[in-house]
Every structure is written in C-alpha cells, then in structure tokens.
N, C-alpha and C. Protein backbone atom coordinates (compact mmCIF):
# COMPACT_ATOMS: atom_id res chain seq x y z
N MET A 1 6.86 -5.46 -11.04
CA MET A 1 5.69 -4.10 -10.89
C MET A 1 4.54 -4.81 -10.02
N SER A 2 4.01 -4.20 -9.49
CA SER A 2 3.07 -4.42 -8.58
C SER A 2 1.99 -3.97 -8.42
N ASN A 3 1.04 -3.86 -8.05
CA ASN A 3 -0.10 -3.34 -8.36
C ASN A 3 -0.85 -3.26 -6.78
N VAL A 4 -0.67 -2.13 -5.93
CA VAL A 4 -1.25 -2.51 -4.19
C VAL A 4 -2.26 -1.19 -4.51
N THR A 5 -3.21 -1.75 -3.44
CA THR A 5 -4.48 -1.85 -3.01
C THR A 5 -4.46 -1.17 -1.87
N LEU A 6 -4.66 -0.74 -1.21
CA LEU A 6 -5.13 0.20 0.77
C LEU A 6 -6.87 -0.02 0.63
N TYR A 7 -6.91 -0.42 1.75
CA TYR A 7 -8.32 -0.93 2.27
C TYR A 7 -8.37 0.25 3.55
N GLU A 8 -8.92 1.30 2.98
CA GLU A 8 -8.95 2.35 4.26
C GLU A 8 -9.27 1.67 5.57
N GLN A 9 -10.88 1.57 4.79
CA GLN A 9 -11.65 1.50 5.84
C GLN A 9 -11.47 -0.10 6.60
N LEU A 10 -10.77 -0.36 6.82
CA LEU A 10 -10.11 -2.01 7.10
C LEU A 10 -9.09 -1.19 8.41
N CYS A 11 -8.61 -0.24 7.65
CA CYS A 11 -6.79 -0.07 7.92
C CYS A 11 -7.07 0.60 9.47
N LYS A 12 -5.99 0.34 11.00
CA LYS A 12 -6.33 1.55 12.18
C LYS A 12 -5.51 2.42 12.22
N GLY A 13 -4.52 2.75 10.67
CA GLY A 13 -4.42 4.11 10.86
C GLY A 13 -2.60 4.11 11.27
N VAL A 14 -1.81 4.85 10.44
CA VAL A 14 -0.17 5.29 11.01
C VAL A 14 -0.21 5.66 12.51
N ASP A 15 -1.25 6.03 13.02
CA ASP A 15 -1.09 6.25 15.00
C ASP A 15 -1.46 5.31 15.15
N GLU A 16 -1.98 4.59 14.56
CA GLU A 16 -1.89 2.98 16.20
C GLU A 16 -1.30 2.09 15.59
N CYS A 17 -1.06 2.10 14.19
CA CYS A 17 -0.20 0.91 14.07
C CYS A 17 1.22 1.43 13.00
N GLY A 18 0.90 1.48 11.80
CA GLY A 18 1.82 2.46 11.14
C GLY A 18 3.12 0.98 10.60
N ILE A 19 2.31 0.18 10.47
CA ILE A 19 3.98 -0.97 10.16
C ILE A 19 3.89 -0.34 8.93
N CYS A 20 3.19 -0.71 7.93
CA CYS A 20 3.41 -1.07 6.29
C CYS A 20 4.34 0.24 6.32
N VAL A 21 4.40 1.58 7.00
CA VAL A 21 5.04 2.65 6.52
C VAL A 21 6.71 2.06 6.98
N SER A 22 6.55 1.76 7.94
CA SER A 22 7.98 0.44 8.01
C SER A 22 8.36 0.04 8.04
N VAL A 23 7.73 -0.74 7.18
CA VAL A 23 8.15 -2.36 6.44
C VAL A 23 8.42 -2.00 4.99
N CYS A 24 8.13 -0.71 4.57
CA CYS A 24 8.44 -0.64 3.20
C CYS A 24 9.21 -0.10 2.75
N ARG A 25 10.59 -0.71 2.40
CA ARG A 25 12.06 -0.36 2.09
C ARG A 25 11.93 0.80 1.03
N LYS A 26 10.74 0.83 0.30
CA LYS A 26 10.51 1.19 -1.50
C LYS A 26 9.74 2.68 -1.40
N GLY A 27 9.50 3.11 0.45
CA GLY A 27 8.72 4.42 0.48
C GLY A 27 7.17 4.21 -0.20
N VAL A 28 6.57 3.66 -0.01
CA VAL A 28 5.59 3.11 -0.42
C VAL A 28 4.57 4.57 -0.21
N PHE A 29 4.51 4.25 0.90
CA PHE A 29 3.31 4.35 1.85
C PHE A 29 3.47 5.85 2.57
N ARG A 30 2.54 6.73 2.80
CA ARG A 30 3.46 7.86 3.80
C ARG A 30 2.07 8.09 4.28
N PRO A 31 2.02 8.70 5.40
CA PRO A 31 0.95 9.16 6.59
C PRO A 31 -0.18 9.77 5.56
N GLY A 32 -0.77 9.39 6.20
CA GLY A 32 -2.22 10.19 5.66
C GLY A 32 -2.66 11.31 6.27
N LYS A 33 -3.60 12.21 5.83
CA LYS A 33 -4.18 13.30 6.20
C LYS A 33 -5.86 13.06 7.20
N ALA A 34 -6.44 12.21 5.92
CA ALA A 34 -7.90 12.10 5.97
C ALA A 34 -7.90 10.48 6.87
N LEU A 35 -9.32 10.87 7.77
CA LEU A 35 -9.68 10.17 8.64
C LEU A 35 -10.68 9.19 7.98
N ASN A 36 -10.53 7.61 7.81
CA ASN A 36 -11.70 6.93 7.64
C ASN A 36 -12.57 6.95 8.67
N ARG A 37 -13.43 6.12 8.62
CA ARG A 37 -15.22 6.17 8.99
C ARG A 37 -14.51 5.66 10.50
N LYS A 38 -13.78 4.78 10.93
CA LYS A 38 -14.17 4.63 12.42
C LYS A 38 -12.75 5.27 12.85
N GLY A 39 -12.44 6.26 12.00
CA GLY A 39 -11.72 7.61 13.09
C GLY A 39 -10.02 7.45 12.92
N TYR A 40 -9.64 7.04 12.04
CA TYR A 40 -8.26 6.24 11.86
C TYR A 40 -7.58 7.02 11.21
N ARG A 41 -6.51 7.30 11.05
CA ARG A 41 -5.74 8.47 9.92
C ARG A 41 -4.60 7.26 8.83
N PRO A 42 -5.40 6.15 8.35
CA PRO A 42 -4.95 5.59 7.11
C PRO A 42 -3.73 5.98 6.60
N PRO A 43 -2.58 5.11 5.89
CA PRO A 43 -1.74 6.18 5.27
C PRO A 43 -2.16 6.47 3.71
N VAL A 44 -1.71 6.79 2.34
CA VAL A 44 -1.15 6.48 1.41
C VAL A 44 -0.83 6.23 0.67
N ILE A 45 -1.17 6.13 -0.17
CA ILE A 45 0.47 5.13 -1.23
C ILE A 45 0.84 6.58 -2.12
N ALA A 46 1.55 6.59 -1.60
CA ALA A 46 2.78 7.82 -2.17
C ALA A 46 3.08 7.88 -3.67
N ASP A 47 4.09 6.44 -3.52
CA ASP A 47 4.68 6.46 -4.71
C ASP A 47 4.72 4.62 -5.53
N ALA A 48 3.53 4.71 -5.82
CA ALA A 48 2.66 2.79 -6.36
C ALA A 48 4.12 2.52 -7.34
N ALA A 49 4.75 3.27 -8.29
CA ALA A 49 5.50 2.70 -9.12
C ALA A 49 6.64 2.19 -8.85
N SER A 50 7.08 2.86 -7.44
CA SER A 50 8.57 1.98 -6.51
C SER A 50 8.50 0.26 -6.11
N CYS A 51 7.13 0.72 -5.78
CA CYS A 51 6.85 -1.17 -5.34
C CYS A 51 7.47 -2.23 -6.01
N THR A 52 7.80 -3.15 -5.17
CA THR A 52 8.31 -4.32 -6.11
C THR A 52 8.03 -5.29 -6.06
N GLY A 53 6.76 -5.78 -4.83
CA GLY A 53 5.82 -6.67 -5.14
C GLY A 53 6.17 -7.82 -3.89
N CYS A 54 7.51 -6.86 -2.75
CA CYS A 54 7.56 -8.09 -1.83
C CYS A 54 6.81 -8.17 -1.48
N GLY A 55 5.59 -7.46 -0.98
CA GLY A 55 4.21 -8.32 0.33
C GLY A 55 4.58 -8.16 1.50
N ASP A 56 5.87 -7.53 1.68
CA ASP A 56 6.08 -6.92 2.85
C ASP A 56 5.25 -6.77 3.90
N CYS A 57 4.40 -5.69 3.27
CA CYS A 57 3.29 -4.54 3.76
C CYS A 57 2.17 -5.09 4.18
N MET A 58 1.72 -6.21 2.97
CA MET A 58 0.44 -7.15 3.44
C MET A 58 1.00 -8.07 3.74
N ILE A 59 1.80 -8.70 3.99
CA ILE A 59 2.30 -9.78 5.04
C ILE A 59 2.03 -9.52 6.65
N PHE A 60 2.56 -8.30 6.70
CA PHE A 60 2.90 -7.82 8.31
C PHE A 60 1.21 -7.01 8.87
N CYS A 61 0.08 -6.41 7.98
CA CYS A 61 -0.60 -5.94 8.20
C CYS A 61 -1.44 -6.25 9.02
N PRO A 62 -1.84 -6.22 10.21
CA PRO A 62 -2.86 -7.00 11.04
C PRO A 62 -4.24 -6.43 10.78
N ASP A 63 -4.21 -5.96 10.02
CA ASP A 63 -5.71 -5.38 9.63
C ASP A 63 -6.29 -6.18 7.98
N MET A 64 -5.34 -6.83 7.70
CA MET A 64 -5.30 -7.45 5.84
C MET A 64 -5.87 -6.36 5.56
N ALA A 65 -5.43 -5.16 5.32
CA ALA A 65 -5.59 -3.72 4.54
C ALA A 65 -5.16 -3.59 3.58
N ILE A 66 -4.30 -4.25 3.01
CA ILE A 66 -3.07 -4.04 1.91
C ILE A 66 -3.18 -5.43 1.05
N ALA A 67 -3.43 -5.27 -0.13
CA ALA A 67 -3.32 -6.71 -1.29
C ALA A 67 -2.11 -6.36 -1.89
N VAL A 68 -1.15 -6.78 -2.43
CA VAL A 68 -0.22 -6.79 -3.59
C VAL A 68 -0.45 -7.63 -4.32
N ALA A 69 -0.50 -7.27 -5.91
CA ALA A 69 -0.64 -8.34 -6.89
C ALA A 69 0.80 -7.75 -8.31
N GLN A 70 0.78 -8.76 -8.59
CA GLN A 70 1.86 -8.67 -10.12
C GLN A 70 1.57 -8.29 -11.32
N LYS A 71 1.49 -7.48 -11.54
CA LYS A 71 0.84 -6.78 -12.92
C LYS A 71 0.57 -7.82 -14.03
N THR A 72 -0.68 -7.62 -14.65
CA THR A 72 -0.30 -8.73 -15.90
C THR A 72 0.52 -8.24 -17.14
N LYS A 73 1.39 -9.28 -17.75
CA LYS A 73 1.70 -9.28 -18.78
C LYS A 73 0.95 -7.39 -19.48
N LYS A 74 -0.19 -7.77 -20.21
CA LYS A 74 -0.70 -6.73 -20.81
C LYS A 74 -0.72 -5.22 -19.83
N GLU A 75 -0.51 -5.39 -18.82
CA GLU A 75 0.03 -3.88 -17.84
C GLU A 75 1.13 -3.59 -17.79
N ARG A 76 1.88 -5.03 -18.03
CA ARG A 76 3.84 -4.25 -18.29
C ARG A 76 3.59 -3.79 -19.27
N LYS A 77 3.02 -4.28 -20.50
CA LYS A 77 3.28 -4.04 -21.76
C LYS A 77 2.88 -2.12 -21.59
N GLY A 78 2.08 -1.98 -21.46
CA GLY A 78 1.10 -0.63 -21.72
C GLY A 78 2.25 0.23 -21.42
N ILE A 79 2.85 -0.32 -19.81
CA ILE A 79 3.93 0.68 -19.32
C ILE A 79 5.28 1.06 -19.91
N GLN A 80 5.25 -0.44 -20.42
CA GLN A 80 6.86 -0.14 -20.89
C GLN A 80 6.90 0.37 -22.73
N GLY A 81 5.45 0.83 -23.32
CA GLY A 81 5.14 1.13 -24.27
C GLY A 81 5.27 2.37 -24.33
N ARG A 82 5.26 3.71 -23.12
CA ARG A 82 4.67 4.40 -23.23
C ARG A 82 6.54 5.53 -23.15
C-alpha cells in the first residue's frame, strides 16, 4: 500500500503529456477537468487505494510532479483495523 501525491502545479497535464495515465497498470490516475496555473489539465488521483507502489508514474513523469511513498506501519494498521 502506498501514498500517491500529485503536484498539480508542476504537471504539464494529460493533453500535453499523460504518461502517468498510460503507465499506471492499476488505473490510479484519470484525466482531470480543472486547469492548473499554467493552463494545463493535470490528472486526478481516481483510485489511490489501488496503488501498489510500483513507482512507474513517479519514475516516468518528466516534470517530477508525482511522489509515491510506502505507507507507514501505523497507517497500514489503521486501514486493517477498519
């Protein structure tokens, strides 16, 4: 399980780039509708729970607009206890 963070203001959007949408095998990202300050349409995190933490989106993002971090034991324990 992982935490995915998208830094929208760094992103060139799905129209100009879209690499994260295409490399994610779990469908975590989908095209967004809102524009960032630069006028790009960044993706949104549609299904964070499906993220396996492979890091492909973070590795291939040319703008370094995505961070993937493993959840801590405390965060995992909170989810399992639900």
